[in-house]
Amino acid sequence: MKSIGRRRFLALTAAGLSCAALGNETVSTSPIMADKTGVLDALGLKRIGQVTPRPSKSIEASPLSVGFEVLDRKCFNPVRTYEHLAQLGVKWARCQTGWCRCETERGNYDFKWLDDVVDSLLAIGIQPWFNLGYGNTLYTPSAPDEYAVGWVPVYDDTAMQAWLRFTQALAEHFAARVKHWEIWNEPNISNFWQPNKPNAHDYVNLVAQTAPVIRKAVSGASIIGLACSGIKMEYIEACLEAGLTDHIDIVSYHPYRALPEDNYDREILRLREAISTRRKGIELWQGENGCPSQGGPESVGALSKLNWTETSQAKWLLRRILIDLRLGIALTSYFHTVDLLNYRSKTNFKGLLRGADYTPKPAYYAYQCLCALFDAKTKPTALSPIFLDQDTQLIQQGEFVRDGRALYACWFPANLQQEWKMRTISLRLTFPEDAAITDPVLIDPLDGKAYAPTKTTASKRTLEVHDLPLLDYPLILTDRQLVANTV
């Protein structure tokens, strides 16, 4: 691999990104998006177009989701997000149902706030999926806060019967609008499993009693289980042994880590094998994962102690989502739509939108580009890449096909808290019968710009590319046919 000097690297990484266009309208910009010079511009590549964002309504189906959690605790204003979500291109949103917010008097249920959320998302082409969880101080009075976060009803018969009545009322109310129901959130950690210590048998008991109530009320319901913090196989195996797969259709997990690639492929392989030995056909959903745009003393939540920027957040997102797509994860959800202010007295900076003013960060535009290219029509494939350089074994790759055209992504899994010295690589791709690249373009998904790569040799079945930039986030090599907005 060829390297670029430190001074050149700093000049390149200081370059900003351009605003993405949607039809004749311009998506609102942040300062970095307004800069017309990007990394590949600075390398001298010829810009030939732009990936056009696609509103969620215009996309028929997609595996891409966004986090819309913590409205049970009123942590953000959903109305201020809908305009941006409509243009993002995701097709799913994870919503928490908030027993504490729906039942403030025993036996009386008020679903208006959740109706507003569900109907607003559906109106812009996004399907809500429910995370059903957390306690209610009416029945779990020992909970230390008004939202009874993490307090389970399963240890008290009165609380459990109230939980099942609430679940029935909720399921009947939303039966026609929401078909995917996840039971509890991160039951394997003490923060979200109180008052006793996390226990797989107790969690499966909760699922075993709750799932039939949902299925009876919701025709065609899909039940999602685990919502596990990390991929903790000891806990997962214990849940499987206790019979979890008898009650669910989908297993979800939350793989927070600073390096999205860190041992991830092996963990997913092991998880799939463990599930398939009990029951075939259960899907995997990556249900919650995000990265802050700021670390330090004012930042809270997973990964908040590390040094992040808005740009490194966007790079992290691109790596996480493309890994999940490469592995064929049925749904992958980015946490969260917007920064959560006053979250545990600090700010959870994982939002695609800034919490102070609800303006988009670079991560929003990065996700918008992926949503445009990686809906349900884009599938993993094999392009048989052969690197023509030495020392390339650590390079991460994603190989896909869409409408008879190939998409190939590659990047280096660098530590995003450290400076990355840009390199170039050379490779040869061999195409299957249903995929090809005859007119190659190189897309920078941070801003959606498309470029003519240099030094390429293309035939019907192969493409050879030399001096391809290798960055600490994915670049996408594909056919010009898939980039409608070209010059």
Protein backbone atom coordinates (compact mmCIF):
# COMPACT_ATOMS: atom_id res chain seq x y z
CA MET A 1 0.00 0.00 0.00
CA LYS A 2 1.16 3.51 -0.73
CA SER A 3 1.01 6.12 2.03
CA ILE A 4 0.46 9.87 1.96
CA GLY A 5 2.51 12.18 4.13
CA ARG A 6 1.23 13.66 7.38
CA ARG A 7 0.95 17.22 6.06
CA ARG A 8 -1.02 16.04 3.03
CA PHE A 9 -3.21 13.88 5.28
CA LEU A 10 -4.06 16.78 7.59
CA ALA A 11 -4.93 18.95 4.60
CA LEU A 12 -7.22 16.27 3.27
CA THR A 13 -8.99 15.44 6.51
CA ALA A 14 -9.58 19.15 7.16
CA ALA A 15 -11.60 19.27 3.96
CA GLY A 16 -15.38 19.54 4.36
CA LEU A 17 -18.35 18.01 2.61
CA SER A 18 -21.06 19.33 0.31
CA CYS A 19 -24.80 19.55 0.79
CA ALA A 20 -26.90 16.73 -0.68
CA ALA A 21 -29.64 17.73 -3.12
CA LEU A 22 -33.13 16.25 -3.10
CA GLY A 23 -35.02 16.97 -6.30
CA ASN A 24 -35.22 20.73 -6.65
CA GLU A 25 -34.98 21.26 -2.90
CA THR A 26 -31.85 21.48 -0.79
CA VAL A 27 -31.56 19.57 2.45
CA SER A 28 -30.58 21.90 5.29
CA THR A 29 -26.83 22.06 5.80
CA SER A 30 -24.36 22.12 8.62
CA PRO A 31 -21.12 24.13 8.21
CA ILE A 32 -19.11 21.04 7.25
CA MET A 33 -21.64 20.05 4.62
CA ALA A 34 -21.61 23.51 3.08
CA ASP A 35 -17.90 23.25 2.22
CA LYS A 36 -17.57 22.17 -1.41
CA THR A 37 -14.19 20.46 -1.01
CA GLY A 38 -14.05 16.85 0.07
CA VAL A 39 -11.23 14.37 0.62
CA LEU A 40 -11.42 12.95 -2.89
CA ASP A 41 -11.58 16.45 -4.39
CA ALA A 42 -8.32 17.23 -2.64
CA LEU A 43 -6.80 14.07 -4.13
CA GLY A 44 -7.55 15.45 -7.57
CA LEU A 45 -10.28 12.97 -8.58
CA LYS A 46 -12.81 14.31 -11.04
CA ARG A 47 -16.23 14.78 -9.52
CA ILE A 48 -18.94 13.49 -11.86
CA GLY A 49 -22.10 13.47 -9.79
CA GLN A 50 -23.95 13.11 -6.53
CA VAL A 51 -26.02 10.37 -4.93
CA THR A 52 -29.54 11.77 -4.76
CA PRO A 53 -31.19 11.23 -1.37
CA ARG A 54 -34.44 9.31 -1.41
CA PRO A 55 -37.29 10.17 0.97
CA SER A 56 -38.49 7.28 3.09
CA LYS A 57 -41.86 7.35 1.32
CA SER A 58 -40.19 6.66 -2.03
CA ILE A 59 -38.44 3.50 -0.75
CA GLU A 60 -40.55 0.36 -0.81
CA ALA A 61 -38.54 -1.69 1.70
CA SER A 62 -35.24 -1.47 3.54
CA PRO A 63 -33.32 -3.08 6.42
CA LEU A 64 -32.32 0.34 7.79
CA SER A 65 -33.80 1.70 11.01
CA VAL A 66 -33.31 4.63 13.36
CA GLY A 67 -33.63 4.93 17.11
CA PHE A 68 -36.69 6.82 18.37
CA GLU A 69 -36.41 5.63 21.97
CA VAL A 70 -36.81 7.39 25.36
CA LEU A 71 -40.00 9.25 24.56
CA ASP A 72 -41.40 7.29 27.48
CA ARG A 73 -39.19 9.70 29.49
CA LYS A 74 -39.93 12.76 27.29
CA CYS A 75 -36.24 13.14 26.40
CA PHE A 76 -36.75 14.98 23.08
CA ASN A 77 -39.37 16.71 20.97
CA PRO A 78 -40.42 14.29 18.21
CA VAL A 79 -42.23 16.96 16.19
CA ARG A 80 -38.93 18.72 15.46
CA THR A 81 -37.45 15.54 13.94
CA TYR A 82 -40.08 14.50 11.40
CA GLU A 83 -39.03 16.84 8.60
CA HIS A 84 -35.50 15.47 8.71
CA LEU A 85 -36.57 11.85 9.15
CA ALA A 86 -38.84 12.11 6.11
CA GLN A 87 -35.80 12.86 3.95
CA LEU A 88 -33.43 10.39 5.63
CA GLY A 89 -34.58 7.25 3.82
CA VAL A 90 -34.90 4.79 6.71
CA LYS A 91 -37.97 2.56 6.74
CA TRP A 92 -38.05 1.60 10.44
CA ALA A 93 -37.96 3.35 13.82
CA ARG A 94 -37.58 1.73 17.24
CA CYS A 95 -40.04 3.25 19.73
CA GLN A 96 -40.36 2.57 23.46
CA THR A 97 -43.93 2.23 24.68
CA GLY A 98 -43.65 3.63 28.21
CA TRP A 99 -45.98 1.81 30.61
CA CYS A 100 -45.29 4.61 33.12
CA ARG A 101 -46.43 7.27 30.64
CA CYS A 102 -49.47 5.37 29.35
CA GLU A 103 -50.95 4.32 32.70
CA THR A 104 -50.74 7.09 35.28
CA GLU A 105 -53.92 5.92 37.06
CA ARG A 106 -54.57 2.26 37.72
CA GLY A 107 -56.57 0.72 34.90
CA ASN A 108 -56.75 3.89 32.80
CA TYR A 109 -54.62 3.94 29.62
CA ASP A 110 -53.79 7.07 27.64
CA PHE A 111 -52.08 6.25 24.34
CA LYS A 112 -52.48 9.64 22.70
CA TRP A 113 -48.79 10.57 22.90
CA LEU A 114 -47.83 7.24 21.34
CA ASP A 115 -50.60 7.53 18.73
CA ASP A 116 -49.08 10.84 17.66
CA VAL A 117 -45.63 9.27 17.31
CA VAL A 118 -46.81 6.18 15.42
CA ASP A 119 -49.09 8.08 13.06
CA SER A 120 -46.48 10.76 12.35
CA LEU A 121 -43.85 8.16 11.47
CA LEU A 122 -46.22 6.19 9.27
CA ALA A 123 -47.21 9.39 7.47
CA ILE A 124 -43.60 9.94 6.34
CA GLY A 125 -43.05 6.35 5.24
CA ILE A 126 -41.39 4.94 8.38
CA GLN A 127 -42.69 1.82 10.14
CA PRO A 128 -42.48 1.95 13.95
CA TRP A 129 -41.44 -1.16 15.84
CA PHE A 130 -42.09 -1.33 19.55
CA ASN A 131 -39.79 -1.96 22.45
CA LEU A 132 -42.14 -2.98 25.26
CA GLY A 133 -40.48 -2.40 28.58
CA TYR A 134 -39.84 -0.85 31.96
CA GLY A 135 -41.94 -0.61 35.06
CA ASN A 136 -44.64 1.54 36.54
CA THR A 137 -44.41 3.09 40.01
CA LEU A 138 -48.10 2.34 40.50
CA TYR A 139 -47.07 -1.31 40.73
CA THR A 140 -43.29 -1.15 41.30
CA PRO A 141 -43.20 1.54 44.03
CA SER A 142 -39.61 0.73 45.01
CA ALA A 143 -38.35 2.16 41.71
CA PRO A 144 -36.23 5.24 42.47
CA ASP A 145 -37.53 7.41 39.60
CA GLU A 146 -40.93 8.24 38.15
CA TYR A 147 -40.30 6.24 34.97
CA ALA A 148 -39.31 3.01 36.76
CA VAL A 149 -36.53 2.44 34.24
CA GLY A 150 -35.45 -1.18 34.27
CA TRP A 151 -37.90 -2.31 36.96
CA VAL A 152 -39.50 -5.58 35.93
CA PRO A 153 -42.97 -6.73 37.05
CA VAL A 154 -42.16 -10.44 36.96
CA TYR A 155 -41.27 -10.67 40.67
CA ASP A 156 -44.67 -9.53 41.95
CA ASP A 157 -47.95 -11.16 40.93
CA THR A 158 -49.98 -7.94 41.20
CA ALA A 159 -47.45 -6.08 39.06
CA MET A 160 -47.29 -8.92 36.57
CA GLN A 161 -51.04 -9.06 36.10
CA ALA A 162 -51.10 -5.28 35.63
CA TRP A 163 -48.30 -5.61 33.06
CA LEU A 164 -50.24 -8.19 31.09
CA ARG A 165 -53.40 -6.03 31.15
CA PHE A 166 -51.38 -3.07 29.91
CA THR A 167 -49.77 -5.20 27.20
CA GLN A 168 -53.18 -6.42 26.05
CA ALA A 169 -54.61 -2.89 25.89
CA LEU A 170 -51.55 -1.62 24.04
CA ALA A 171 -51.49 -4.51 21.58
CA GLU A 172 -55.19 -4.21 20.79
CA HIS A 173 -54.87 -0.46 20.30
CA PHE A 174 -51.94 -0.67 17.86
CA ALA A 175 -52.72 -4.06 16.27
CA ALA A 176 -53.31 -2.63 12.81
CA ARG A 177 -50.29 -0.31 12.85
CA VAL A 178 -47.42 -2.13 14.58
CA LYS A 179 -46.52 -5.78 13.93
CA HIS A 180 -43.05 -6.07 15.50
CA TRP A 181 -42.87 -6.18 19.30
CA GLU A 182 -39.65 -6.43 21.31
CA ILE A 183 -39.97 -7.53 24.92
CA TRP A 184 -37.82 -5.56 27.38
CA ASN A 185 -34.53 -3.77 26.85
CA GLU A 186 -31.07 -5.09 27.79
CA PRO A 187 -32.28 -7.51 30.47
CA ASN A 188 -28.74 -8.87 30.88
CA ILE A 189 -27.43 -5.77 32.71
CA SER A 190 -28.36 -4.49 36.14
CA ASN A 191 -29.27 -0.97 34.95
CA PHE A 192 -32.28 -2.42 33.14
CA TRP A 193 -33.15 -5.44 35.25
CA GLN A 194 -34.29 -4.50 38.75
CA PRO A 195 -34.77 -5.17 41.61
CA ASN A 196 -33.07 -8.57 41.32
CA LYS A 197 -29.89 -9.44 39.45
CA PRO A 198 -30.19 -10.30 35.74
CA ASN A 199 -31.28 -13.89 35.30
CA ALA A 200 -31.98 -15.66 32.02
CA HIS A 201 -34.77 -17.85 33.43
CA ASP A 202 -36.57 -14.81 34.82
CA TYR A 203 -36.33 -13.02 31.49
CA VAL A 204 -37.65 -16.01 29.55
CA ASN A 205 -40.49 -16.22 32.08
CA LEU A 206 -41.37 -12.59 31.27
CA VAL A 207 -41.31 -13.32 27.53
CA ALA A 208 -43.29 -16.55 27.92
CA GLN A 209 -46.14 -14.72 29.66
CA THR A 210 -46.06 -11.58 27.51
CA ALA A 211 -45.71 -12.96 23.98
CA PRO A 212 -49.06 -14.85 23.89
CA VAL A 213 -50.93 -11.70 24.88
CA ILE A 214 -49.40 -9.85 21.94
CA ARG A 215 -49.98 -12.68 19.48
CA LYS A 216 -53.64 -12.97 20.48
CA ALA A 217 -54.25 -9.27 19.86
CA VAL A 218 -51.98 -8.65 16.85
CA SER A 219 -52.53 -10.79 13.79
CA GLY A 220 -49.20 -11.72 12.23
CA ALA A 221 -47.17 -10.31 15.11
CA SER A 222 -43.42 -10.84 15.17
CA ILE A 223 -41.98 -11.16 18.67
CA ILE A 224 -38.43 -9.92 19.23
CA GLY A 225 -36.43 -11.29 22.14
CA LEU A 226 -33.23 -10.56 24.06
CA ALA A 227 -32.43 -6.91 23.15
CA CYS A 228 -29.14 -7.92 24.72
CA SER A 229 -26.48 -5.42 25.78
CA GLY A 230 -23.50 -6.61 23.74
CA ILE A 231 -23.34 -10.18 22.46
CA LYS A 232 -22.92 -11.91 25.80
CA MET A 233 -22.99 -15.58 24.90
CA GLU A 234 -23.19 -16.93 28.44
CA TYR A 235 -26.43 -15.05 29.04
CA ILE A 236 -27.72 -15.74 25.53
CA GLU A 237 -27.01 -19.46 25.83
CA ALA A 238 -28.82 -19.52 29.16
CA CYS A 239 -31.87 -17.87 27.58
CA LEU A 240 -31.82 -20.37 24.72
CA GLU A 241 -31.55 -23.27 27.14
CA ALA A 242 -34.50 -21.86 29.08
CA GLY A 243 -36.63 -22.05 25.91
CA LEU A 244 -36.56 -18.49 24.57
CA THR A 245 -36.84 -19.60 20.94
CA ASP A 246 -40.19 -21.23 21.71
CA HIS A 247 -41.69 -17.76 22.08
CA ILE A 248 -39.91 -15.44 19.62
CA ASP A 249 -39.33 -14.87 15.90
CA ILE A 250 -36.35 -12.50 16.04
CA VAL A 251 -33.27 -12.13 18.25
CA SER A 252 -32.00 -8.58 18.79
CA TYR A 253 -28.72 -7.37 20.25
CA HIS A 254 -26.84 -4.09 20.90
CA PRO A 255 -23.15 -4.40 19.91
CA TYR A 256 -21.68 -1.16 21.29
CA ARG A 257 -17.91 -0.94 20.69
CA ALA A 258 -15.43 1.75 19.66
CA LEU A 259 -14.26 -0.33 16.69
CA PRO A 260 -17.40 -1.68 15.00
CA GLU A 261 -15.37 -4.53 13.47
CA ASP A 262 -13.80 -5.72 16.74
CA ASN A 263 -14.39 -9.52 16.77
CA TYR A 264 -17.85 -8.85 15.34
CA ASP A 265 -17.90 -11.39 12.50
CA ARG A 266 -16.96 -14.23 14.87
CA GLU A 267 -19.56 -13.19 17.42
CA ILE A 268 -22.33 -13.08 14.81
CA LEU A 269 -21.30 -16.50 13.48
CA ARG A 270 -21.37 -17.95 16.99
CA LEU A 271 -24.72 -16.29 17.74
CA ARG A 272 -26.28 -17.66 14.57
CA GLU A 273 -25.00 -21.15 15.27
CA ALA A 274 -26.32 -21.08 18.84
CA ILE A 275 -29.78 -20.00 17.68
CA SER A 276 -30.03 -22.37 14.71
CA THR A 277 -29.32 -25.42 16.87
CA ARG A 278 -32.55 -24.65 18.77
CA ARG A 279 -34.74 -23.39 15.96
CA LYS A 280 -34.27 -22.56 12.29
CA GLY A 281 -35.50 -19.39 10.64
CA ILE A 282 -35.05 -16.89 13.49
CA GLU A 283 -33.82 -13.55 12.18
CA LEU A 284 -31.12 -11.36 13.69
CA TRP A 285 -31.80 -7.67 14.27
CA GLN A 286 -29.13 -5.23 15.36
CA GLY A 287 -31.59 -3.25 17.41
CA GLU A 288 -29.60 -0.43 18.99
CA ASN A 289 -26.11 0.89 18.32
CA GLY A 290 -24.66 4.36 18.07
CA CYS A 291 -21.63 6.54 18.56
CA PRO A 292 -21.31 9.96 20.22
CA SER A 293 -20.19 13.05 18.34
CA GLN A 294 -18.60 14.36 21.53
CA GLY A 295 -16.93 12.70 24.48
CA GLY A 296 -15.78 13.99 27.83
CA PRO A 297 -17.34 15.07 31.12
CA GLU A 298 -20.57 16.43 29.58
CA SER A 299 -21.18 13.28 27.54
CA VAL A 300 -23.00 10.22 28.87
CA GLY A 301 -23.89 6.75 27.64
CA ALA A 302 -21.97 4.04 25.80
CA LEU A 303 -18.57 5.11 24.41
CA SER A 304 -18.93 8.58 25.96
CA LYS A 305 -15.51 8.54 27.66
CA LEU A 306 -13.64 8.44 24.35
CA ASN A 307 -12.63 11.38 22.18
CA TRP A 308 -15.20 11.77 19.38
CA THR A 309 -16.03 14.45 16.81
CA GLU A 310 -18.97 14.85 14.47
CA THR A 311 -16.80 13.56 11.61
CA SER A 312 -15.57 10.47 13.46
CA GLN A 313 -19.17 9.74 14.47
CA ALA A 314 -20.17 9.72 10.79
CA LYS A 315 -17.27 7.41 9.90
CA TRP A 316 -18.24 5.05 12.72
CA LEU A 317 -21.84 4.95 11.48
CA LEU A 318 -20.78 4.07 7.93
CA ARG A 319 -18.62 1.22 9.21
CA ARG A 320 -21.29 -0.18 11.55
CA ILE A 321 -24.10 -0.12 8.98
CA LEU A 322 -22.06 -1.58 6.13
CA ILE A 323 -20.77 -4.42 8.31
CA ASP A 324 -24.33 -5.35 9.25
CA LEU A 325 -25.45 -5.18 5.63
CA ARG A 326 -22.47 -7.29 4.56
CA LEU A 327 -23.38 -9.95 7.12
CA GLY A 328 -27.01 -10.03 6.01
CA ILE A 329 -28.42 -8.79 9.33
CA ALA A 330 -32.15 -8.51 8.64
CA LEU A 331 -32.46 -5.06 10.26
CA THR A 332 -29.88 -2.65 11.64
CA SER A 333 -30.85 0.39 13.69
CA TYR A 334 -28.78 3.48 14.45
CA PHE A 335 -29.22 5.01 17.93
CA HIS A 336 -30.34 7.83 17.97
CA THR A 337 -32.36 10.32 15.88
CA VAL A 338 -31.32 13.31 18.00
CA ASP A 339 -28.99 14.09 20.90
CA LEU A 340 -30.70 13.48 24.22
CA LEU A 341 -30.33 16.53 26.47
CA ASN A 342 -30.62 16.12 30.24
CA TYR A 343 -30.15 12.39 29.88
CA ARG A 344 -28.96 11.31 33.32
CA SER A 345 -28.17 15.02 33.92
CA LYS A 346 -25.82 15.15 30.92
CA THR A 347 -26.14 14.79 27.13
CA ASN A 348 -26.13 11.61 25.09
CA PHE A 349 -24.51 12.91 21.89
CA LYS A 350 -25.33 9.95 19.63
CA GLY A 351 -27.99 11.75 17.61
CA LEU A 352 -28.03 12.24 13.86
CA LEU A 353 -29.44 15.66 14.73
CA ARG A 354 -27.94 18.11 17.21
CA GLY A 355 -29.94 18.31 20.40
CA ALA A 356 -29.51 22.06 20.77
CA ASP A 357 -31.21 23.03 17.50
CA TYR A 358 -32.21 19.80 15.69
CA THR A 359 -29.91 20.50 12.75
CA PRO A 360 -28.29 17.56 10.90
CA LYS A 361 -24.77 16.40 11.71
CA PRO A 362 -22.44 14.80 9.14
CA ALA A 363 -23.70 11.40 10.38
CA TYR A 364 -27.18 12.30 9.11
CA TYR A 365 -25.89 12.88 5.57
CA ALA A 366 -23.76 9.74 5.70
CA TYR A 367 -26.76 7.64 6.70
CA GLN A 368 -28.87 9.38 4.06
CA CYS A 369 -26.42 8.26 1.37
CA LEU A 370 -26.49 4.65 2.58
CA CYS A 371 -30.29 4.69 2.70
CA ALA A 372 -30.39 5.76 -0.95
CA LEU A 373 -28.12 2.92 -2.09
CA PHE A 374 -28.84 0.06 0.32
CA ASP A 375 -32.57 -0.54 0.41
CA ALA A 376 -34.01 -4.05 0.14
CA LYS A 377 -33.05 -4.28 -3.55
CA THR A 378 -29.37 -4.29 -2.63
CA LYS A 379 -28.11 -7.72 -1.57
CA PRO A 380 -24.78 -9.13 -0.38
CA THR A 381 -22.86 -10.99 -3.11
CA ALA A 382 -19.34 -12.27 -3.86
CA LEU A 383 -17.05 -10.20 -6.07
CA SER A 384 -13.90 -12.28 -5.42
CA PRO A 385 -11.61 -9.31 -4.71
CA ILE A 386 -7.90 -9.89 -5.16
CA PHE A 387 -5.55 -7.25 -3.79
CA LEU A 388 -2.56 -6.48 -5.96
CA ASP A 389 -0.60 -5.02 -3.04
CA GLN A 390 1.15 -6.44 -0.02
CA ASP A 391 -0.02 -6.13 3.61
CA THR A 392 -3.75 -5.83 2.89
CA GLN A 393 -5.14 -8.64 5.06
CA LEU A 394 -6.78 -6.29 7.59
CA ILE A 395 -8.83 -4.39 5.02
CA GLN A 396 -12.60 -4.59 5.58
CA GLN A 397 -14.82 -5.19 2.57
CA GLY A 398 -18.48 -5.23 1.61
CA GLU A 399 -19.68 -6.80 -1.63
CA PHE A 400 -23.19 -6.19 -2.95
CA VAL A 401 -25.37 -6.31 -6.05
CA ARG A 402 -28.26 -4.03 -7.03
CA ASP A 403 -30.24 -4.03 -10.28
CA GLY A 404 -27.56 -6.07 -12.03
CA ARG A 405 -24.75 -3.78 -10.93
CA ALA A 406 -22.10 -4.42 -8.31
CA LEU A 407 -21.24 -2.26 -5.30
CA TYR A 408 -17.92 -2.78 -3.54
CA ALA A 409 -16.93 -1.02 -0.32
CA CYS A 410 -13.57 -1.15 1.43
CA TRP A 411 -11.94 0.59 4.35
CA PHE A 412 -9.31 0.13 7.03
CA PRO A 413 -10.62 -0.60 10.55
CA ALA A 414 -8.54 2.14 12.11
CA ASN A 415 -8.93 3.51 15.61
CA LEU A 416 -11.13 6.58 15.11
CA GLN A 417 -9.50 8.32 18.08
CA GLN A 418 -6.16 8.32 16.26
CA GLU A 419 -4.85 9.93 13.10
CA TRP A 420 -5.13 7.74 10.03
CA LYS A 421 -2.41 8.03 7.38
CA MET A 422 -4.14 7.70 4.07
CA ARG A 423 -2.95 4.94 1.72
CA THR A 424 -3.76 3.68 -1.73
CA ILE A 425 -4.39 0.11 -2.84
CA SER A 426 -4.88 -1.78 -6.07
CA LEU A 427 -7.33 -4.61 -6.59
CA ARG A 428 -9.15 -6.77 -9.10
CA LEU A 429 -12.86 -7.63 -8.84
CA THR A 430 -14.46 -10.58 -10.63
CA PHE A 431 -18.19 -10.26 -11.20
CA PRO A 432 -20.91 -12.92 -10.99
CA GLU A 433 -23.39 -13.28 -13.82
CA ASP A 434 -25.92 -10.92 -12.22
CA ALA A 435 -23.53 -8.09 -11.32
CA ALA A 436 -20.98 -5.94 -13.10
CA ILE A 437 -19.25 -2.56 -13.12
CA THR A 438 -18.70 -1.36 -16.68
CA ASP A 439 -18.60 2.39 -16.06
CA PRO A 440 -16.95 2.73 -12.63
CA VAL A 441 -17.61 5.53 -10.17
CA LEU A 442 -16.24 6.01 -6.67
CA ILE A 443 -18.69 7.32 -4.05
CA ASP A 444 -17.69 9.07 -0.83
CA PRO A 445 -20.68 8.27 1.40
CA LEU A 446 -19.81 10.99 3.89
CA ASP A 447 -21.31 13.44 1.44
CA GLY A 448 -22.64 11.31 -1.42
CA LYS A 449 -20.29 12.72 -4.06
CA ALA A 450 -19.36 10.50 -7.00
CA TYR A 451 -15.98 10.57 -8.75
CA ALA A 452 -14.28 8.99 -11.73
CA PRO A 453 -11.61 6.67 -10.28
CA THR A 454 -8.19 6.84 -11.88
CA LYS A 455 -6.31 3.96 -13.47
CA THR A 456 -9.09 1.46 -14.07
CA THR A 457 -9.36 -1.39 -16.54
CA ALA A 458 -12.85 -2.82 -17.05
CA SER A 459 -14.22 -5.80 -18.94
CA LYS A 460 -17.51 -7.67 -18.81
CA ARG A 461 -16.46 -9.86 -15.89
CA THR A 462 -13.56 -8.02 -14.20
CA LEU A 463 -12.53 -4.59 -13.01
CA GLU A 464 -9.00 -3.67 -12.03
CA VAL A 465 -8.45 -0.47 -10.05
CA HIS A 466 -5.12 1.07 -9.11
CA ASP A 467 -4.39 3.85 -6.61
CA LEU A 468 -7.74 3.43 -4.89
CA PRO A 469 -7.78 5.58 -1.73
CA LEU A 470 -7.96 3.55 1.48
CA LEU A 471 -9.54 5.57 4.27
CA ASP A 472 -10.67 4.91 7.84
CA TYR A 473 -14.24 4.80 6.55
CA PRO A 474 -15.82 3.08 3.52
CA LEU A 475 -15.61 4.30 -0.04
CA ILE A 476 -18.02 2.64 -2.47
CA LEU A 477 -16.99 1.55 -5.94
CA THR A 478 -19.95 0.94 -8.22
CA ASP A 479 -21.40 1.53 -11.67
CA ARG A 480 -22.39 4.96 -12.88
CA GLN A 481 -25.83 3.55 -13.70
CA LEU A 482 -26.65 3.47 -9.95
CA VAL A 483 -25.83 7.16 -9.51
CA ALA A 484 -28.67 8.90 -11.31
CA ASN A 485 -27.39 12.42 -10.72
CA THR A 486 -24.22 12.44 -12.86
CA VAL A 487 -22.71 14.88 -15.33
